Amino acid sequence: MTARILADENIDHRVVHRLDNYGHDVEHVDFASGLDKGSDDTGVADYSIETDRLLLTNDDDFLTDFATPEYDGLLFIDDETLGPVAISDIVHEIVTTVSDPSGQTYYVSRSWL
């Protein structure tokens, strides 16, 4: 299964390229229409809903300030030691293992490897 993903501003562009190579439709906030680096979280969450994209971030505001229906789904990186390759591989594992990740929160952690 391929996934539609919105990478937040804090996501390394190497993650985007690797996920794209896996066949996923990935858009980075830096290049999303109407968004850019520094866009407020509400705008990012709204864009996620409008474009049916899972939100990939390590910004914990999306855990504390938003409810799951306020974004399409959340892929939250909770391990700061993960590099771009590991993050990409874990996200790929999540979205290919879970039948429908929309509307859910998933923690991008080593337990998926």
Protein backbone atom coordinates (compact mmCIF):
# COMPACT_ATOMS: atom_id res chain seq x y z
CA MET A 1 0.00 0.00 0.00
CA THR A 2 1.20 3.49 -0.77
CA ALA A 3 0.38 6.47 1.42
CA ARG A 4 -0.16 10.18 1.03
CA ILE A 5 2.06 11.95 3.55
CA LEU A 6 2.66 15.58 4.54
CA ALA A 7 6.11 16.09 6.05
CA ASP A 8 6.19 18.91 8.59
CA GLU A 9 8.89 21.58 8.45
CA ASN A 10 11.07 19.72 10.95
CA ILE A 11 11.36 16.62 8.72
CA ASP A 12 14.64 16.17 6.87
CA HIS A 13 14.21 16.30 3.09
CA ARG A 14 16.14 13.01 2.85
CA VAL A 15 13.15 11.33 4.55
CA VAL A 16 10.86 12.75 1.87
CA HIS A 17 13.10 11.51 -0.95
CA ARG A 18 13.43 8.03 0.53
CA LEU A 19 9.68 7.68 1.10
CA ASP A 20 9.13 8.92 -2.45
CA ASN A 21 11.50 6.20 -3.66
CA TYR A 22 9.36 3.66 -1.79
CA GLY A 23 6.46 4.86 -3.95
CA HIS A 24 4.63 7.04 -1.44
CA ASP A 25 3.13 10.41 -2.37
CA VAL A 26 5.03 12.73 -0.04
CA GLU A 27 4.79 16.49 0.12
CA HIS A 28 6.99 18.64 2.36
CA VAL A 29 5.52 21.73 4.03
CA ASP A 30 8.31 23.76 2.40
CA PHE A 31 6.78 23.07 -1.02
CA ALA A 32 3.07 22.63 -0.25
CA SER A 33 0.70 25.14 -1.82
CA GLY A 34 -0.17 27.79 0.75
CA LEU A 35 2.30 26.49 3.34
CA ASP A 36 5.98 27.04 4.00
CA LYS A 37 8.53 26.89 6.78
CA GLY A 38 7.01 28.65 9.77
CA SER A 39 3.38 27.91 8.86
CA ASP A 40 1.23 27.65 11.95
CA ASP A 41 0.21 24.21 13.15
CA THR A 42 -3.47 24.83 12.44
CA GLY A 43 -2.71 25.54 8.78
CA VAL A 44 -0.60 22.38 8.56
CA ALA A 45 -3.35 20.28 10.19
CA ASP A 46 -5.99 21.78 7.90
CA TYR A 47 -3.85 21.05 4.83
CA SER A 48 -3.49 17.46 6.00
CA ILE A 49 -7.28 17.11 6.07
CA GLU A 50 -7.87 18.98 2.79
CA THR A 51 -5.37 16.82 0.89
CA ASP A 52 -5.95 13.49 2.70
CA ARG A 53 -2.35 13.27 3.87
CA LEU A 54 -0.98 11.66 7.01
CA LEU A 55 1.05 14.20 8.96
CA LEU A 56 4.67 13.22 9.68
CA THR A 57 6.19 15.34 12.45
CA ASN A 58 8.14 15.41 15.68
CA ASP A 59 6.27 18.51 16.89
CA ASP A 60 4.51 17.37 20.06
CA ASP A 61 2.00 20.22 19.74
CA PHE A 62 0.09 17.88 17.44
CA LEU A 63 -0.26 15.45 20.36
CA THR A 64 -1.26 18.04 22.96
CA ASP A 65 -3.10 20.80 21.09
CA PHE A 66 -5.04 18.85 18.46
CA ALA A 67 -7.50 15.98 18.44
CA THR A 68 -7.12 13.19 15.87
CA PRO A 69 -10.03 14.45 13.71
CA GLU A 70 -8.14 17.73 13.20
CA TYR A 71 -5.62 16.08 10.87
CA ASP A 72 -5.84 13.11 8.53
CA GLY A 73 -3.65 10.90 10.70
CA LEU A 74 -0.43 11.39 12.66
CA LEU A 75 2.95 9.74 12.28
CA PHE A 76 4.74 11.12 15.33
CA ILE A 77 8.51 10.71 15.64
CA ASP A 78 9.09 10.23 19.35
CA ASP A 79 12.73 9.12 19.18
CA GLU A 80 15.17 11.96 18.47
CA THR A 81 18.02 9.51 17.85
CA LEU A 82 16.43 8.15 14.66
CA GLY A 83 18.14 9.24 11.46
CA PRO A 84 16.50 9.83 8.08
CA VAL A 85 16.95 6.24 6.89
CA ALA A 86 15.40 4.75 10.04
CA ILE A 87 12.53 7.25 10.03
CA SER A 88 11.77 6.48 6.38
CA ASP A 89 11.93 2.74 6.92
CA ILE A 90 9.68 2.89 9.99
CA VAL A 91 7.10 5.11 8.29
CA HIS A 92 7.11 2.78 5.30
CA GLU A 93 6.60 -0.20 7.63
CA ILE A 94 3.69 1.50 9.40
CA VAL A 95 1.81 2.56 6.27
CA THR A 96 2.31 -0.78 4.54
CA THR A 97 1.38 -2.84 7.60
CA VAL A 98 -1.67 -0.95 8.83
CA SER A 99 -4.70 -1.35 6.57
CA ASP A 100 -5.95 2.23 7.05
CA PRO A 101 -3.72 4.57 9.08
CA SER A 102 -6.01 7.59 8.53
CA GLY A 103 -7.54 9.01 11.68
CA GLN A 104 -4.98 7.31 13.92
CA THR A 105 -1.80 8.30 15.74
CA TYR A 106 1.28 6.14 15.23
CA TYR A 107 4.56 6.57 17.05
CA VAL A 108 7.56 6.31 14.76
CA SER A 109 9.86 4.31 17.01
CA ARG A 110 12.36 1.46 16.82
CA SER A 111 9.66 -1.01 17.86
CA TRP A 112 8.47 -1.02 14.21
CA LEU A 113 11.83 -2.26 12.91
